[in-house]
């Protein structure tokens, strides 16, 4: 199961390895559609950690990563920004993004 991360936990979660961050909100329909896809990838691919950040609870992070619309996925490697996808994306697109980071 993917973890919803509080701002205070964020640095510890992203500082090592490949991490896909899902910026979402409870009221966001495309976010809800994306969630099961991310769950699948999370179960199938042990080389990436997927975490969720609720933008309503994590305003600082949303501002820091300049989240304009959601869902936005951000790929980080050892804490460094690699790529971003905004909007709903099919599984293949997300997997291709993750592959680029490996």
Protein backbone atom coordinates (compact mmCIF):
# COMPACT_ATOMS: atom_id res chain seq x y z
CA UNK A 1 0.00 0.00 0.00
CA UNK A 2 1.26 3.44 -0.89
CA UNK A 3 1.90 5.80 1.99
CA UNK A 4 0.50 9.30 2.29
CA UNK A 5 3.45 11.36 3.46
CA UNK A 6 3.35 14.31 5.80
CA UNK A 7 5.65 17.23 5.04
CA UNK A 8 7.78 16.38 8.06
CA UNK A 9 8.44 12.85 6.72
CA UNK A 10 9.11 13.86 3.12
CA UNK A 11 12.90 14.31 3.19
CA UNK A 12 13.43 10.92 4.84
CA UNK A 13 11.21 9.23 2.24
CA UNK A 14 12.90 10.71 -0.85
CA UNK A 15 16.58 10.89 0.07
CA UNK A 16 17.47 7.39 -1.15
CA UNK A 17 16.72 5.56 -4.38
CA UNK A 18 14.07 6.14 -7.00
CA UNK A 19 10.87 7.72 -5.66
CA UNK A 20 7.71 8.64 -7.53
CA UNK A 21 5.70 11.29 -5.69
CA UNK A 22 1.98 11.54 -6.44
CA UNK A 23 0.69 15.03 -5.63
CA UNK A 24 -3.06 14.66 -5.24
CA UNK A 25 -6.16 15.83 -3.38
CA UNK A 26 -9.20 13.98 -2.06
CA UNK A 27 -11.56 16.05 -4.22
CA UNK A 28 -9.65 15.39 -7.47
CA UNK A 29 -11.35 12.93 -9.83
CA UNK A 30 -8.36 12.21 -12.13
CA UNK A 31 -6.29 11.60 -8.97
CA UNK A 32 -8.76 8.90 -7.91
CA UNK A 33 -8.52 7.34 -11.38
CA UNK A 34 -4.72 7.36 -11.21
CA UNK A 35 -4.50 5.78 -7.78
CA UNK A 36 -5.17 2.11 -8.77
CA UNK A 37 -2.61 2.39 -11.59
CA UNK A 38 0.01 3.62 -9.12
CA UNK A 39 -0.94 0.80 -6.71
CA UNK A 40 -0.31 -1.74 -9.50
CA UNK A 41 3.07 -0.26 -10.39
CA UNK A 42 3.96 -0.14 -6.70
CA UNK A 43 3.27 -3.88 -6.38
CA UNK A 44 4.97 -4.86 -9.65
CA UNK A 45 8.14 -2.74 -9.53
CA UNK A 46 10.33 -3.00 -6.46
CA UNK A 47 12.90 -0.59 -7.92
CA UNK A 48 10.70 2.42 -7.29
CA UNK A 49 8.99 3.67 -4.16
CA UNK A 50 5.69 5.48 -4.71
CA UNK A 51 4.47 7.94 -2.12
CA UNK A 52 1.46 10.24 -2.04
CA UNK A 53 1.37 13.88 -0.96
CA UNK A 54 -1.99 15.52 -0.30
CA UNK A 55 -1.59 19.10 -1.55
CA UNK A 56 -4.26 20.38 0.84
CA UNK A 57 -2.20 19.15 3.82
CA UNK A 58 1.21 19.90 2.32
CA UNK A 59 1.12 23.43 0.98
CA UNK A 60 4.86 23.96 1.39
CA UNK A 61 5.74 20.93 -0.76
CA UNK A 62 3.12 21.84 -3.36
CA UNK A 63 4.66 25.31 -3.62
CA UNK A 64 8.22 24.02 -3.57
CA UNK A 65 7.57 21.70 -6.52
CA UNK A 66 5.38 24.34 -8.20
CA UNK A 67 2.34 22.09 -8.46
CA UNK A 68 -0.10 23.99 -10.70
CA UNK A 69 -2.60 21.23 -11.32
CA UNK A 70 -3.16 17.71 -10.07
CA UNK A 71 -2.47 14.92 -10.34
CA UNK A 72 1.20 15.68 -10.81
CA UNK A 73 3.78 12.91 -10.60
CA UNK A 74 7.37 13.82 -9.80
CA UNK A 75 10.22 11.36 -10.16
CA UNK A 76 13.18 11.82 -7.81
CA UNK A 77 16.44 9.91 -7.54
CA UNK A 78 18.35 10.20 -4.26
CA UNK A 79 16.35 13.36 -3.55
CA UNK A 80 17.16 14.99 -6.91
CA UNK A 81 14.38 16.00 -9.30
CA UNK A 82 14.37 14.02 -12.59
CA UNK A 83 11.00 14.30 -14.33
CA UNK A 84 7.42 15.45 -13.95
CA UNK A 85 4.11 14.42 -15.52
CA UNK A 86 0.99 16.50 -14.98
CA UNK A 87 -2.52 15.18 -15.45
CA UNK A 88 -3.87 11.66 -15.71
CA UNK A 89 -1.47 9.29 -17.47
CA UNK A 90 -1.84 5.70 -18.60
CA UNK A 91 0.22 3.00 -16.88
CA UNK A 92 2.67 2.66 -19.80
CA UNK A 93 3.55 6.38 -19.72
CA UNK A 94 4.29 6.20 -15.99
CA UNK A 95 6.34 3.01 -16.38
CA UNK A 96 8.36 4.61 -19.19
CA UNK A 97 9.04 7.60 -16.92
CA UNK A 98 10.25 5.29 -14.14
CA UNK A 99 12.49 3.38 -16.57
CA UNK A 100 14.19 6.66 -17.54
CA UNK A 101 15.15 7.17 -13.93
CA UNK A 102 16.66 3.71 -13.36
